[in-house]
Amino acid sequence: AALIALVCWVGLALNFSATYGHNGSLLATLWRLGHFFTIISNLAVAIAMTWLAFGGRVSPFIVSGLTLAILLVGIVYVLLLHGLHPLNGRALIANHLLHYVSPVAMAVYWLLFTPHGRLRWRDPFWWMLFPLTYFLYVIARGTFGDSYPYPFINLTKLGAVQTAINALGIAAGFTLCGFVLVAADRHLLGRRRANR
Protein backbone atom coordinates (compact mmCIF):
# COMPACT_ATOMS: atom_id res chain seq x y z
CA ALA A 1 0.00 0.00 0.00
CA ALA A 2 2.82 2.38 0.88
CA LEU A 3 4.58 1.71 -2.42
CA ILE A 4 1.40 2.33 -4.42
CA ALA A 5 0.75 5.53 -2.47
CA LEU A 6 4.31 6.67 -3.19
CA VAL A 7 3.94 5.93 -6.92
CA CYS A 8 0.72 7.94 -7.10
CA TRP A 9 1.93 10.88 -5.01
CA VAL A 10 5.20 11.14 -6.97
CA GLY A 11 3.35 10.89 -10.28
CA LEU A 12 0.84 13.54 -9.21
CA ALA A 13 3.60 15.83 -7.93
CA LEU A 14 5.57 15.52 -11.16
CA ASN A 15 2.46 16.14 -13.22
CA PHE A 16 1.62 19.18 -11.12
CA SER A 17 5.18 20.49 -11.46
CA ALA A 18 5.21 20.05 -15.23
CA THR A 19 1.82 21.72 -15.65
CA TYR A 20 2.70 24.57 -13.30
CA GLY A 21 5.89 25.10 -15.30
CA HIS A 22 3.77 25.84 -18.37
CA ASN A 23 1.31 28.32 -16.89
CA GLY A 24 2.95 29.57 -13.67
CA SER A 25 -0.36 29.80 -11.83
CA LEU A 26 -1.31 27.62 -8.86
CA LEU A 27 -5.06 28.00 -9.37
CA ALA A 28 -4.84 27.50 -13.13
CA THR A 29 -2.78 24.36 -12.61
CA LEU A 30 -5.24 22.90 -10.09
CA TRP A 31 -8.17 23.81 -12.34
CA ARG A 32 -6.57 22.18 -15.37
CA LEU A 33 -5.51 18.99 -13.59
CA GLY A 34 -8.93 18.73 -11.94
CA HIS A 35 -10.65 17.79 -15.17
CA PHE A 36 -8.62 14.65 -15.94
CA PHE A 37 -9.99 11.27 -14.85
CA THR A 38 -6.38 10.08 -14.58
CA ILE A 39 -5.59 12.69 -11.94
CA ILE A 40 -8.80 12.23 -9.97
CA SER A 41 -8.48 8.43 -9.95
CA ASN A 42 -4.81 8.44 -8.99
CA LEU A 43 -5.54 10.96 -6.23
CA ALA A 44 -8.29 8.71 -4.86
CA VAL A 45 -5.94 5.71 -4.96
CA ALA A 46 -3.16 7.72 -3.32
CA ILE A 47 -5.43 8.76 -0.44
CA ALA A 48 -6.82 5.25 0.11
CA MET A 49 -3.41 3.56 -0.06
CA THR A 50 -1.86 6.15 2.25
CA TRP A 51 -4.65 5.48 4.75
CA LEU A 52 -4.02 1.73 4.50
CA ALA A 53 -0.27 2.19 4.82
CA PHE A 54 -0.77 4.03 8.12
CA GLY A 55 -2.95 1.25 9.52
CA GLY A 56 -6.37 2.49 8.48
CA ARG A 57 -9.08 0.26 7.07
CA VAL A 58 -10.63 0.51 3.62
CA SER A 59 -13.43 -1.87 2.68
CA PRO A 60 -12.92 -4.42 -0.13
CA PHE A 61 -15.81 -2.69 -1.93
CA ILE A 62 -13.87 0.62 -2.05
CA VAL A 63 -10.53 -1.01 -2.90
CA SER A 64 -12.17 -2.99 -5.70
CA GLY A 65 -13.91 0.10 -7.08
CA LEU A 66 -10.64 2.05 -7.06
CA THR A 67 -8.87 -0.86 -8.71
CA LEU A 68 -11.48 -0.91 -11.46
CA ALA A 69 -11.26 2.87 -11.94
CA ILE A 70 -7.47 2.93 -12.15
CA LEU A 71 -7.49 -0.03 -14.55
CA LEU A 72 -9.88 1.98 -16.72
CA VAL A 73 -7.29 4.77 -16.70
CA GLY A 74 -4.60 2.44 -17.99
CA ILE A 75 -6.76 0.62 -20.55
CA VAL A 76 -8.28 3.78 -22.05
CA TYR A 77 -4.86 5.40 -22.25
CA VAL A 78 -3.29 2.44 -24.05
CA LEU A 79 -6.21 1.98 -26.45
CA LEU A 80 -7.27 5.56 -27.16
CA LEU A 81 -4.75 8.14 -25.96
CA HIS A 82 -1.23 6.76 -26.25
CA GLY A 83 0.97 8.94 -28.43
CA LEU A 84 -1.51 11.78 -28.88
CA HIS A 85 0.72 14.28 -27.08
CA PRO A 86 4.53 14.05 -27.13
CA LEU A 87 5.96 14.15 -23.61
CA ASN A 88 9.37 14.50 -22.08
CA GLY A 89 11.05 15.12 -18.74
CA ARG A 90 8.82 15.25 -15.68
CA ALA A 91 5.64 14.93 -17.73
CA LEU A 92 6.88 11.70 -19.31
CA ILE A 93 7.81 10.17 -15.94
CA ALA A 94 4.47 11.21 -14.47
CA ASN A 95 2.68 9.74 -17.47
CA HIS A 96 4.30 6.34 -16.93
CA LEU A 97 3.64 6.35 -13.20
CA LEU A 98 -0.01 7.38 -13.49
CA HIS A 99 -1.02 5.40 -16.58
CA TYR A 100 1.07 2.24 -16.30
CA VAL A 101 2.63 1.68 -12.90
CA SER A 102 -0.27 2.59 -10.62
CA PRO A 103 -2.89 0.50 -12.52
CA VAL A 104 -0.67 -2.59 -12.57
CA ALA A 105 0.40 -2.11 -8.95
CA MET A 106 -3.20 -1.64 -7.82
CA ALA A 107 -4.30 -4.78 -9.67
CA VAL A 108 -1.55 -6.76 -7.94
CA TYR A 109 -2.55 -5.30 -4.58
CA TRP A 110 -6.17 -6.26 -5.18
CA LEU A 111 -5.20 -9.82 -6.10
CA LEU A 112 -2.79 -10.43 -3.24
CA PHE A 113 -3.79 -8.26 -0.31
CA THR A 114 -7.52 -7.49 -0.51
CA PRO A 115 -9.89 -9.85 1.32
CA HIS A 116 -11.94 -11.76 -1.25
CA GLY A 117 -15.36 -13.35 -1.37
CA ARG A 118 -17.19 -10.24 -0.15
CA LEU A 119 -18.24 -8.45 -3.33
CA ARG A 120 -21.85 -8.45 -4.56
CA TRP A 121 -23.25 -8.60 -8.07
CA ARG A 122 -24.80 -5.14 -7.70
CA ASP A 123 -21.43 -3.54 -6.86
CA PRO A 124 -20.45 -2.72 -10.48
CA PHE A 125 -23.51 -0.45 -10.73
CA TRP A 126 -22.38 1.45 -7.63
CA TRP A 127 -18.82 1.70 -8.97
CA MET A 128 -20.23 3.13 -12.20
CA LEU A 129 -21.33 6.24 -10.29
CA PHE A 130 -17.70 7.39 -10.15
CA PRO A 131 -17.03 7.63 -13.93
CA LEU A 132 -20.63 8.69 -14.56
CA THR A 133 -20.31 11.61 -12.16
CA TYR A 134 -16.98 12.47 -13.76
CA PHE A 135 -18.53 12.43 -17.25
CA LEU A 136 -21.34 14.77 -16.23
CA TYR A 137 -18.79 17.02 -14.51
CA VAL A 138 -16.53 17.43 -17.57
CA ILE A 139 -19.47 17.86 -19.93
CA ALA A 140 -20.74 20.64 -17.66
CA ARG A 141 -17.29 22.25 -17.61
CA GLY A 142 -17.03 22.06 -21.38
CA THR A 143 -20.54 23.43 -21.86
CA PHE A 144 -19.68 26.49 -19.80
CA GLY A 145 -16.58 27.30 -21.80
CA ASP A 146 -13.82 25.01 -20.54
CA SER A 147 -11.95 22.57 -22.78
CA TYR A 148 -12.78 18.88 -22.95
CA PRO A 149 -10.03 16.71 -21.46
CA TYR A 150 -10.31 13.76 -23.87
CA PRO A 151 -11.01 13.70 -27.62
CA PHE A 152 -13.58 10.89 -27.36
CA ILE A 153 -15.85 13.03 -25.16
CA ASN A 154 -15.32 16.32 -26.97
CA LEU A 155 -18.93 17.41 -27.31
CA THR A 156 -18.06 20.42 -29.47
CA LYS A 157 -16.22 18.42 -32.15
CA LEU A 158 -18.11 15.13 -32.02
CA GLY A 159 -21.65 16.25 -31.31
CA ALA A 160 -24.03 14.91 -28.71
CA VAL A 161 -24.82 11.58 -30.41
CA GLN A 162 -21.24 10.44 -31.00
CA THR A 163 -20.15 11.66 -27.57
CA ALA A 164 -22.98 9.68 -25.98
CA ILE A 165 -22.08 6.57 -27.99
CA ASN A 166 -18.44 6.84 -26.92
CA ALA A 167 -19.39 7.38 -23.29
CA LEU A 168 -21.82 4.45 -23.33
CA GLY A 169 -19.19 2.22 -24.90
CA ILE A 170 -16.70 3.03 -22.15
CA ALA A 171 -19.43 2.66 -19.51
CA ALA A 172 -20.37 -0.78 -20.88
CA GLY A 173 -16.74 -1.87 -20.84
CA PHE A 174 -16.31 -0.55 -17.31
CA THR A 175 -19.41 -2.38 -16.08
CA LEU A 176 -18.40 -5.60 -17.82
CA CYS A 177 -14.97 -5.44 -16.21
CA GLY A 178 -16.73 -4.82 -12.90
CA PHE A 179 -18.70 -8.05 -13.27
CA VAL A 180 -15.50 -9.91 -14.17
CA LEU A 181 -13.94 -8.50 -10.99
CA VAL A 182 -16.91 -9.66 -8.89
CA ALA A 183 -16.90 -13.10 -10.54
CA ALA A 184 -13.19 -13.52 -9.84
CA ASP A 185 -13.65 -12.34 -6.28
CA ARG A 186 -16.59 -14.64 -5.53
CA HIS A 187 -15.82 -17.77 -7.51
CA LEU A 188 -12.03 -17.93 -7.84
CA LEU A 189 -10.20 -15.90 -5.23
CA GLY A 190 -12.85 -16.15 -2.52
CA ARG A 191 -13.14 -19.93 -2.92
CA ARG A 192 -9.36 -20.34 -2.91
CA ARG A 193 -9.06 -18.33 0.32
CA ALA A 194 -11.86 -20.39 1.89
CA ASN A 195 -10.07 -23.67 1.05
CA ARG A 196 -6.82 -22.66 2.74
C-alpha atoms as a PDB file:
ATOM      1  CA  ALA A   1       0.000   0.000   0.000  1.00  0.00           C
ATOM      2  CA  ALA A   2       2.824   2.382   0.878  1.00  0.00           C
ATOM      3  CA  LEU A   3       4.583   1.715  -2.423  1.00  0.00           C
ATOM      4  CA  ILE A   4       1.400   2.333  -4.420  1.00  0.00           C
ATOM      5  CA  ALA A   5       0.747   5.529  -2.474  1.00  0.00           C
ATOM      6  CA  LEU A   6       4.308   6.668  -3.195  1.00  0.00           C
ATOM      7  CA  VAL A   7       3.943   5.933  -6.916  1.00  0.00           C
ATOM      8  CA  CYS A   8       0.719   7.937  -7.098  1.00  0.00           C
ATOM      9  CA  TRP A   9       1.933  10.877  -5.015  1.00  0.00           C
ATOM     10  CA  VAL A  10       5.198  11.140  -6.966  1.00  0.00           C
ATOM     11  CA  GLY A  11       3.347  10.889 -10.282  1.00  0.00           C
ATOM     12  CA  LEU A  12       0.840  13.540  -9.214  1.00  0.00           C
ATOM     13  CA  ALA A  13       3.595  15.829  -7.929  1.00  0.00           C
ATOM     14  CA  LEU A  14       5.575  15.525 -11.160  1.00  0.00           C
ATOM     15  CA  ASN A  15       2.459  16.141 -13.217  1.00  0.00           C
ATOM     16  CA  PHE A  16       1.624  19.181 -11.123  1.00  0.00           C
ATOM     17  CA  SER A  17       5.175  20.487 -11.456  1.00  0.00           C
ATOM     18  CA  ALA A  18       5.214  20.049 -15.233  1.00  0.00           C
ATOM     19  CA  THR A  19       1.822  21.721 -15.647  1.00  0.00           C
ATOM     20  CA  TYR A  20       2.698  24.565 -13.300  1.00  0.00           C
ATOM     21  CA  GLY A  21       5.887  25.097 -15.296  1.00  0.00           C
ATOM     22  CA  HIS A  22       3.772  25.839 -18.367  1.00  0.00           C
ATOM     23  CA  ASN A  23       1.306  28.318 -16.886  1.00  0.00           C
ATOM     24  CA  GLY A  24       2.948  29.575 -13.675  1.00  0.00           C
ATOM     25  CA  SER A  25      -0.355  29.798 -11.832  1.00  0.00           C
ATOM     26  CA  LEU A  26      -1.309  27.616  -8.859  1.00  0.00           C
ATOM     27  CA  LEU A  27      -5.061  28.005  -9.368  1.00  0.00           C
ATOM     28  CA  ALA A  28      -4.842  27.503 -13.134  1.00  0.00           C
ATOM     29  CA  THR A  29      -2.783  24.359 -12.615  1.00  0.00           C
ATOM     30  CA  LEU A  30      -5.242  22.902 -10.094  1.00  0.00           C
ATOM     31  CA  TRP A  31      -8.170  23.809 -12.337  1.00  0.00           C
ATOM     32  CA  ARG A  32      -6.575  22.176 -15.373  1.00  0.00           C
ATOM     33  CA  LEU A  33      -5.515  18.994 -13.589  1.00  0.00           C
ATOM     34  CA  GLY A  34      -8.925  18.726 -11.944  1.00  0.00           C
ATOM     35  CA  HIS A  35     -10.651  17.788 -15.170  1.00  0.00           C
ATOM     36  CA  PHE A  36      -8.617  14.647 -15.935  1.00  0.00           C
ATOM     37  CA  PHE A  37      -9.985  11.266 -14.852  1.00  0.00           C
ATOM     38  CA  THR A  38      -6.377  10.079 -14.575  1.00  0.00           C
ATOM     39  CA  ILE A  39      -5.595  12.694 -11.942  1.00  0.00           C
ATOM     40  CA  ILE A  40      -8.804  12.225  -9.967  1.00  0.00           C
ATOM     41  CA  SER A  41      -8.476   8.428  -9.952  1.00  0.00           C
ATOM     42  CA  ASN A  42      -4.813   8.440  -8.985  1.00  0.00           C
ATOM     43  CA  LEU A  43      -5.538  10.962  -6.230  1.00  0.00           C
ATOM     44  CA  ALA A  44      -8.289   8.708  -4.861  1.00  0.00           C
ATOM     45  CA  VAL A  45      -5.940   5.707  -4.963  1.00  0.00           C
ATOM     46  CA  ALA A  46      -3.162   7.723  -3.316  1.00  0.00           C
ATOM     47  CA  ILE A  47      -5.429   8.758  -0.436  1.00  0.00           C
ATOM     48  CA  ALA A  48      -6.817   5.249   0.113  1.00  0.00           C
ATOM     49  CA  MET A  49      -3.415   3.565  -0.063  1.00  0.00           C
ATOM     50  CA  THR A  50      -1.864   6.147   2.253  1.00  0.00           C
ATOM     51  CA  TRP A  51      -4.650   5.479   4.755  1.00  0.00           C
ATOM     52  CA  LEU A  52      -4.021   1.733   4.501  1.00  0.00           C
ATOM     53  CA  ALA A  53      -0.273   2.187   4.822  1.00  0.00           C
ATOM     54  CA  PHE A  54      -0.772   4.028   8.123  1.00  0.00           C
ATOM     55  CA  GLY A  55      -2.949   1.251   9.517  1.00  0.00           C
ATOM     56  CA  GLY A  56      -6.369   2.486   8.479  1.00  0.00           C
ATOM     57  CA  ARG A  57      -9.077   0.260   7.072  1.00  0.00           C
ATOM     58  CA  VAL A  58     -10.634   0.510   3.623  1.00  0.00           C
ATOM     59  CA  SER A  59     -13.433  -1.870   2.680  1.00  0.00           C
ATOM     60  CA  PRO A  60     -12.920  -4.425  -0.134  1.00  0.00           C
ATOM     61  CA  PHE A  61     -15.810  -2.687  -1.928  1.00  0.00           C
ATOM     62  CA  ILE A  62     -13.871   0.616  -2.050  1.00  0.00           C
ATOM     63  CA  VAL A  63     -10.527  -1.011  -2.899  1.00  0.00           C
ATOM     64  CA  SER A  64     -12.171  -2.993  -5.698  1.00  0.00           C
ATOM     65  CA  GLY A  65     -13.907   0.100  -7.084  1.00  0.00           C
ATOM     66  CA  LEU A  66     -10.645   2.048  -7.056  1.00  0.00           C
ATOM     67  CA  THR A  67      -8.869  -0.863  -8.714  1.00  0.00           C
ATOM     68  CA  LEU A  68     -11.479  -0.913 -11.460  1.00  0.00           C
ATOM     69  CA  ALA A  69     -11.257   2.867 -11.944  1.00  0.00           C
ATOM     70  CA  ILE A  70      -7.468   2.931 -12.153  1.00  0.00           C
ATOM     71  CA  LEU A  71      -7.487  -0.028 -14.546  1.00  0.00           C
ATOM     72  CA  LEU A  72      -9.882   1.983 -16.717  1.00  0.00           C
ATOM     73  CA  VAL A  73      -7.292   4.766 -16.697  1.00  0.00           C
ATOM     74  CA  GLY A  74      -4.604   2.438 -17.986  1.00  0.00           C
ATOM     75  CA  ILE A  75      -6.756   0.624 -20.548  1.00  0.00           C
ATOM     76  CA  VAL A  76      -8.277   3.778 -22.049  1.00  0.00           C
ATOM     77  CA  TYR A  77      -4.858   5.401 -22.246  1.00  0.00           C
ATOM     78  CA  VAL A  78      -3.293   2.442 -24.047  1.00  0.00           C
ATOM     79  CA  LEU A  79      -6.209   1.975 -26.449  1.00  0.00           C
ATOM     80  CA  LEU A  80      -7.266   5.558 -27.165  1.00  0.00           C
ATOM     81  CA  LEU A  81      -4.754   8.136 -25.963  1.00  0.00           C
ATOM     82  CA  HIS A  82      -1.234   6.764 -26.246  1.00  0.00           C
ATOM     83  CA  GLY A  83       0.972   8.937 -28.433  1.00  0.00           C
ATOM     84  CA  LEU A  84      -1.510  11.781 -28.881  1.00  0.00           C
ATOM     85  CA  HIS A  85       0.716  14.276 -27.083  1.00  0.00           C
ATOM     86  CA  PRO A  86       4.534  14.053 -27.133  1.00  0.00           C
ATOM     87  CA  LEU A  87       5.957  14.146 -23.607  1.00  0.00           C
ATOM     88  CA  ASN A  88       9.368  14.504 -22.078  1.00  0.00           C
ATOM     89  CA  GLY A  89      11.051  15.119 -18.740  1.00  0.00           C
ATOM     90  CA  ARG A  90       8.818  15.252 -15.677  1.00  0.00           C
ATOM     91  CA  ALA A  91       5.639  14.927 -17.725  1.00  0.00           C
ATOM     92  CA  LEU A  92       6.884  11.702 -19.308  1.00  0.00           C
ATOM     93  CA  ILE A  93       7.807  10.170 -15.942  1.00  0.00           C
ATOM     94  CA  ALA A  94       4.466  11.213 -14.473  1.00  0.00           C
ATOM     95  CA  ASN A  95       2.680   9.741 -17.467  1.00  0.00           C
ATOM     96  CA  HIS A  96       4.299   6.340 -16.933  1.00  0.00           C
ATOM     97  CA  LEU A  97       3.644   6.351 -13.199  1.00  0.00           C
ATOM     98  CA  LEU A  98      -0.013   7.380 -13.486  1.00  0.00           C
ATOM     99  CA  HIS A  99      -1.024   5.403 -16.581  1.00  0.00           C
ATOM    100  CA  TYR A 100       1.074   2.243 -16.305  1.00  0.00           C
ATOM    101  CA  VAL A 101       2.631   1.681 -12.899  1.00  0.00           C
ATOM    102  CA  SER A 102      -0.267   2.586 -10.620  1.00  0.00           C
ATOM    103  CA  PRO A 103      -2.888   0.503 -12.519  1.00  0.00           C
ATOM    104  CA  VAL A 104      -0.672  -2.591 -12.570  1.00  0.00           C
ATOM    105  CA  ALA A 105       0.402  -2.112  -8.945  1.00  0.00           C
ATOM    106  CA  MET A 106      -3.195  -1.645  -7.819  1.00  0.00           C
ATOM    107  CA  ALA A 107      -4.304  -4.780  -9.667  1.00  0.00           C
ATOM    108  CA  VAL A 108      -1.547  -6.764  -7.944  1.00  0.00           C
ATOM    109  CA  TYR A 109      -2.547  -5.300  -4.578  1.00  0.00           C
ATOM    110  CA  TRP A 110      -6.174  -6.258  -5.184  1.00  0.00           C
ATOM    111  CA  LEU A 111      -5.199  -9.823  -6.104  1.00  0.00           C
ATOM    112  CA  LEU A 112      -2.794 -10.430  -3.240  1.00  0.00           C
ATOM    113  CA  PHE A 113      -3.792  -8.260  -0.305  1.00  0.00           C
ATOM    114  CA  THR A 114      -7.523  -7.485  -0.515  1.00  0.00           C
ATOM    115  CA  PRO A 115      -9.893  -9.848   1.324  1.00  0.00           C
ATOM    116  CA  HIS A 116     -11.939 -11.761  -1.246  1.00  0.00           C
ATOM    117  CA  GLY A 117     -15.363 -13.353  -1.370  1.00  0.00           C
ATOM    118  CA  ARG A 118     -17.190 -10.241  -0.151  1.00  0.00           C
ATOM    119  CA  LEU A 119     -18.239  -8.448  -3.332  1.00  0.00           C
ATOM    120  CA  ARG A 120     -21.848  -8.448  -4.564  1.00  0.00           C
ATOM    121  CA  TRP A 121     -23.255  -8.601  -8.069  1.00  0.00           C
ATOM    122  CA  ARG A 122     -24.795  -5.140  -7.698  1.00  0.00           C
ATOM    123  CA  ASP A 123     -21.434  -3.536  -6.856  1.00  0.00           C
ATOM    124  CA  PRO A 124     -20.454  -2.716 -10.479  1.00  0.00           C
ATOM    125  CA  PHE A 125     -23.505  -0.447 -10.734  1.00  0.00           C
ATOM    126  CA  TRP A 126     -22.380   1.451  -7.632  1.00  0.00           C
ATOM    127  CA  TRP A 127     -18.821   1.697  -8.967  1.00  0.00           C
ATOM    128  CA  MET A 128     -20.234   3.125 -12.203  1.00  0.00           C
ATOM    129  CA  LEU A 129     -21.330   6.235 -10.292  1.00  0.00           C
ATOM    130  CA  PHE A 130     -17.697   7.392 -10.151  1.00  0.00           C
ATOM    131  CA  PRO A 131     -17.030   7.627 -13.929  1.00  0.00           C
ATOM    132  CA  LEU A 132     -20.631   8.687 -14.562  1.00  0.00           C
ATOM    133  CA  THR A 133     -20.306  11.607 -12.157  1.00  0.00           C
ATOM    134  CA  TYR A 134     -16.981  12.474 -13.760  1.00  0.00           C
ATOM    135  CA  PHE A 135     -18.529  12.429 -17.250  1.00  0.00           C
ATOM    136  CA  LEU A 136     -21.344  14.773 -16.225  1.00  0.00           C
ATOM    137  CA  TYR A 137     -18.792  17.020 -14.512  1.00  0.00           C
ATOM    138  CA  VAL A 138     -16.527  17.430 -17.566  1.00  0.00           C
ATOM    139  CA  ILE A 139     -19.472  17.863 -19.926  1.00  0.00           C
ATOM    140  CA  ALA A 140     -20.735  20.644 -17.657  1.00  0.00           C
ATOM    141  CA  ARG A 141     -17.291  22.254 -17.609  1.00  0.00           C
ATOM    142  CA  GLY A 142     -17.035  22.065 -21.378  1.00  0.00           C
ATOM    143  CA  THR A 143     -20.536  23.426 -21.863  1.00  0.00           C
ATOM    144  CA  PHE A 144     -19.681  26.492 -19.802  1.00  0.00           C
ATOM    145  CA  GLY A 145     -16.576  27.297 -21.797  1.00  0.00           C
ATOM    146  CA  ASP A 146     -13.817  25.009 -20.538  1.00  0.00           C
ATOM    147  CA  SER A 147     -11.952  22.575 -22.783  1.00  0.00           C
ATOM    148  CA  TYR A 148     -12.785  18.876 -22.951  1.00  0.00           C
ATOM    149  CA  PRO A 149     -10.029  16.708 -21.462  1.00  0.00           C
ATOM    150  CA  TYR A 150     -10.306  13.764 -23.874  1.00  0.00           C
ATOM    151  CA  PRO A 151     -11.013  13.695 -27.620  1.00  0.00           C
ATOM    152  CA  PHE A 152     -13.579  10.888 -27.362  1.00  0.00           C
ATOM    153  CA  ILE A 153     -15.848  13.031 -25.156  1.00  0.00           C
ATOM    154  CA  ASN A 154     -15.320  16.316 -26.966  1.00  0.00           C
ATOM    155  CA  LEU A 155     -18.930  17.412 -27.309  1.00  0.00           C
ATOM    156  CA  THR A 156     -18.059  20.417 -29.465  1.00  0.00           C
ATOM    157  CA  LYS A 157     -16.217  18.417 -32.146  1.00  0.00           C
ATOM    158  CA  LEU A 158     -18.105  15.130 -32.025  1.00  0.00           C
ATOM    159  CA  GLY A 159     -21.652  16.254 -31.311  1.00  0.00           C
ATOM    160  CA  ALA A 160     -24.034  14.910 -28.714  1.00  0.00           C
ATOM    161  CA  VAL A 161     -24.823  11.583 -30.413  1.00  0.00           C
ATOM    162  CA  GLN A 162     -21.240  10.445 -31.000  1.00  0.00           C
ATOM    163  CA  THR A 163     -20.145  11.660 -27.566  1.00  0.00           C
ATOM    164  CA  ALA A 164     -22.979   9.685 -25.976  1.00  0.00           C
ATOM    165  CA  ILE A 165     -22.078   6.574 -27.992  1.00  0.00           C
ATOM    166  CA  ASN A 166     -18.442   6.842 -26.922  1.00  0.00           C
ATOM    167  CA  ALA A 167     -19.389   7.376 -23.287  1.00  0.00           C
ATOM    168  CA  LEU A 168     -21.824   4.453 -23.333  1.00  0.00           C
ATOM    169  CA  GLY A 169     -19.190   2.218 -24.897  1.00  0.00           C
ATOM    170  CA  ILE A 170     -16.705   3.029 -22.153  1.00  0.00           C
ATOM    171  CA  ALA A 171     -19.426   2.655 -19.512  1.00  0.00           C
ATOM    172  CA  ALA A 172     -20.370  -0.777 -20.879  1.00  0.00           C
ATOM    173  CA  GLY A 173     -16.736  -1.869 -20.836  1.00  0.00           C
ATOM    174  CA  PHE A 174     -16.311  -0.548 -17.310  1.00  0.00           C
ATOM    175  CA  THR A 175     -19.411  -2.377 -16.080  1.00  0.00           C
ATOM    176  CA  LEU A 176     -18.404  -5.605 -17.822  1.00  0.00           C
ATOM    177  CA  CYS A 177     -14.966  -5.442 -16.208  1.00  0.00           C
ATOM    178  CA  GLY A 178     -16.726  -4.822 -12.899  1.00  0.00           C
ATOM    179  CA  PHE A 179     -18.701  -8.051 -13.270  1.00  0.00           C
ATOM    180  CA  VAL A 180     -15.495  -9.909 -14.170  1.00  0.00           C
ATOM    181  CA  LEU A 181     -13.943  -8.504 -10.993  1.00  0.00           C
ATOM    182  CA  VAL A 182     -16.910  -9.660  -8.895  1.00  0.00           C
ATOM    183  CA  ALA A 183     -16.898 -13.098 -10.538  1.00  0.00           C
ATOM    184  CA  ALA A 184     -13.189 -13.516  -9.842  1.00  0.00           C
ATOM    185  CA  ASP A 185     -13.648 -12.335  -6.279  1.00  0.00           C
ATOM    186  CA  ARG A 186     -16.593 -14.639  -5.527  1.00  0.00           C
ATOM    187  CA  HIS A 187     -15.818 -17.770  -7.508  1.00  0.00           C
ATOM    188  CA  LEU A 188     -12.030 -17.929  -7.837  1.00  0.00           C
ATOM    189  CA  LEU A 189     -10.204 -15.899  -5.231  1.00  0.00           C
ATOM    190  CA  GLY A 190     -12.855 -16.152  -2.519  1.00  0.00           C
ATOM    191  CA  ARG A 191     -13.140 -19.934  -2.919  1.00  0.00           C
ATOM    192  CA  ARG A 192      -9.363 -20.335  -2.907  1.00  0.00           C
ATOM    193  CA  ARG A 193      -9.058 -18.333   0.320  1.00  0.00           C
ATOM    194  CA  ALA A 194     -11.856 -20.387   1.893  1.00  0.00           C
ATOM    195  CA  ASN A 195     -10.069 -23.667   1.051  1.00  0.00           C
ATOM    196  CA  ARG A 196      -6.822 -22.659   2.736  1.00  0.00           C
END
